[in-house]
Amino acid sequence: MTKPKLKVGHYYELKIDKNKKIAFGVMYGFDSGKNKDVYALMIYTKNKIFEFPIQKNLFDEWVKEGRVKGLTSDEALVYVI
């Protein structure tokens, strides 16, 4: 299985702890300029949907720790419903 890469328009699941996971989509990101490698995540929970900025190196850290997996759009929809 390949490790997920941070891509705009893709959905991911982040494992917070053994029993808690959240889904997020990458809405947009900056490749250059002052905010280089900053991405806006749209976080999906059963009660809220909100935007959260992260840097690419934080996402890479989550991948290295094995806490992130890619989701299909159908799987992400399940988190919202």
C-alpha atoms as a PDB file:
ATOM      1  CA  MET A   1       0.000   0.000   0.000  1.00  0.00           C
ATOM      2  CA  THR A   2       1.371   3.411  -0.936  1.00  0.00           C
ATOM      3  CA  LYS A   3       1.620   6.210   1.570  1.00  0.00           C
ATOM      4  CA  PRO A   4      -0.918   9.018   1.079  1.00  0.00           C
ATOM      5  CA  LYS A   5       0.333  12.290  -0.387  1.00  0.00           C
ATOM      6  CA  LEU A   6      -1.280  15.627   0.425  1.00  0.00           C
ATOM      7  CA  LYS A   7      -3.328  16.638  -2.623  1.00  0.00           C
ATOM      8  CA  VAL A   8      -5.969  19.309  -3.103  1.00  0.00           C
ATOM      9  CA  GLY A   9      -9.394  17.785  -3.730  1.00  0.00           C
ATOM     10  CA  HIS A  10      -8.648  14.500  -1.938  1.00  0.00           C
ATOM     11  CA  TYR A  11     -10.179  13.074   1.252  1.00  0.00           C
ATOM     12  CA  TYR A  12      -8.367  11.480   4.186  1.00  0.00           C
ATOM     13  CA  GLU A  13      -9.047   9.860   7.535  1.00  0.00           C
ATOM     14  CA  LEU A  14      -6.934  10.863  10.540  1.00  0.00           C
ATOM     15  CA  LYS A  15      -6.714   8.537  13.520  1.00  0.00           C
ATOM     16  CA  ILE A  16      -6.790  10.656  16.705  1.00  0.00           C
ATOM     17  CA  ASP A  17      -6.602   7.699  19.102  1.00  0.00           C
ATOM     18  CA  LYS A  18      -7.674   4.034  19.130  1.00  0.00           C
ATOM     19  CA  ASN A  19     -11.386   4.849  19.096  1.00  0.00           C
ATOM     20  CA  LYS A  20     -11.601   8.258  17.434  1.00  0.00           C
ATOM     21  CA  LYS A  21     -11.122   9.110  13.760  1.00  0.00           C
ATOM     22  CA  ILE A  22     -11.992  12.185  11.731  1.00  0.00           C
ATOM     23  CA  ALA A  23     -12.339  12.727   8.003  1.00  0.00           C
ATOM     24  CA  PHE A  24     -11.070  15.761   6.150  1.00  0.00           C
ATOM     25  CA  GLY A  25     -10.811  17.061   2.620  1.00  0.00           C
ATOM     26  CA  VAL A  26      -8.045  19.286   1.294  1.00  0.00           C
ATOM     27  CA  MET A  27      -9.762  22.379  -0.074  1.00  0.00           C
ATOM     28  CA  TYR A  28      -6.793  24.407  -1.320  1.00  0.00           C
ATOM     29  CA  GLY A  29      -3.069  24.890  -0.824  1.00  0.00           C
ATOM     30  CA  PHE A  30      -0.268  27.278  -1.621  1.00  0.00           C
ATOM     31  CA  ASP A  31       2.818  26.147  -3.547  1.00  0.00           C
ATOM     32  CA  SER A  32       4.764  29.392  -3.335  1.00  0.00           C
ATOM     33  CA  GLY A  33       4.918  32.743  -1.606  1.00  0.00           C
ATOM     34  CA  LYS A  34       4.552  33.641   2.041  1.00  0.00           C
ATOM     35  CA  ASN A  35       2.191  30.723   2.816  1.00  0.00           C
ATOM     36  CA  LYS A  36       4.152  28.057   0.902  1.00  0.00           C
ATOM     37  CA  ASP A  37       3.125  24.491   1.800  1.00  0.00           C
ATOM     38  CA  VAL A  38       0.104  25.612   3.854  1.00  0.00           C
ATOM     39  CA  TYR A  39      -3.116  23.738   3.101  1.00  0.00           C
ATOM     40  CA  ALA A  40      -6.713  24.318   4.177  1.00  0.00           C
ATOM     41  CA  LEU A  41      -8.478  21.225   5.447  1.00  0.00           C
ATOM     42  CA  MET A  42     -12.238  20.929   5.701  1.00  0.00           C
ATOM     43  CA  ILE A  43     -12.869  18.787   8.782  1.00  0.00           C
ATOM     44  CA  TYR A  44     -16.013  16.647   8.828  1.00  0.00           C
ATOM     45  CA  THR A  45     -17.613  15.473  12.082  1.00  0.00           C
ATOM     46  CA  LYS A  46     -21.159  14.405  12.875  1.00  0.00           C
ATOM     47  CA  ASN A  47     -21.857  17.745  14.559  1.00  0.00           C
ATOM     48  CA  LYS A  48     -19.680  20.260  12.712  1.00  0.00           C
ATOM     49  CA  ILE A  49     -17.849  21.060   9.528  1.00  0.00           C
ATOM     50  CA  PHE A  50     -15.020  23.565   9.793  1.00  0.00           C
ATOM     51  CA  GLU A  51     -11.861  24.721   8.059  1.00  0.00           C
ATOM     52  CA  PHE A  52      -8.426  24.170   9.575  1.00  0.00           C
ATOM     53  CA  PRO A  53      -5.021  25.194   8.137  1.00  0.00           C
ATOM     54  CA  ILE A  54      -2.000  22.869   8.356  1.00  0.00           C
ATOM     55  CA  GLN A  55       1.511  22.827   6.982  1.00  0.00           C
ATOM     56  CA  LYS A  56       2.612  20.032   4.669  1.00  0.00           C
ATOM     57  CA  ASN A  57       5.260  18.821   7.135  1.00  0.00           C
ATOM     58  CA  LEU A  58       2.544  18.132   9.761  1.00  0.00           C
ATOM     59  CA  PHE A  59       0.636  15.969   7.264  1.00  0.00           C
ATOM     60  CA  ASP A  60       3.866  14.140   6.417  1.00  0.00           C
ATOM     61  CA  GLU A  61       4.424  13.512  10.141  1.00  0.00           C
ATOM     62  CA  TRP A  62       0.920  11.998  10.439  1.00  0.00           C
ATOM     63  CA  VAL A  63       1.676   9.730   7.463  1.00  0.00           C
ATOM     64  CA  LYS A  64       4.990   8.640   8.998  1.00  0.00           C
ATOM     65  CA  GLU A  65       3.157   7.768  12.237  1.00  0.00           C
ATOM     66  CA  GLY A  66       0.614   5.702  10.242  1.00  0.00           C
ATOM     67  CA  ARG A  67      -2.308   7.863  11.311  1.00  0.00           C
ATOM     68  CA  VAL A  68      -3.581   8.896   7.843  1.00  0.00           C
ATOM     69  CA  LYS A  69      -5.286   6.897   5.118  1.00  0.00           C
ATOM     70  CA  GLY A  70      -6.902   8.016   1.882  1.00  0.00           C
ATOM     71  CA  LEU A  71     -10.702   7.963   1.521  1.00  0.00           C
ATOM     72  CA  THR A  72     -13.003   7.860  -1.447  1.00  0.00           C
ATOM     73  CA  SER A  73     -15.680  10.548  -1.724  1.00  0.00           C
ATOM     74  CA  ASP A  74     -18.299   7.950  -0.706  1.00  0.00           C
ATOM     75  CA  GLU A  75     -16.368   7.059   2.449  1.00  0.00           C
ATOM     76  CA  ALA A  76     -16.009  10.755   3.343  1.00  0.00           C
ATOM     77  CA  LEU A  77     -19.755  11.218   2.886  1.00  0.00           C
ATOM     78  CA  VAL A  78     -20.401   8.557   5.536  1.00  0.00           C
ATOM     79  CA  TYR A  79     -18.658  10.787   8.117  1.00  0.00           C
ATOM     80  CA  VAL A  80     -21.025  13.657   7.347  1.00  0.00           C
ATOM     81  CA  ILE A  81     -24.172  11.547   7.401  1.00  0.00           C
END
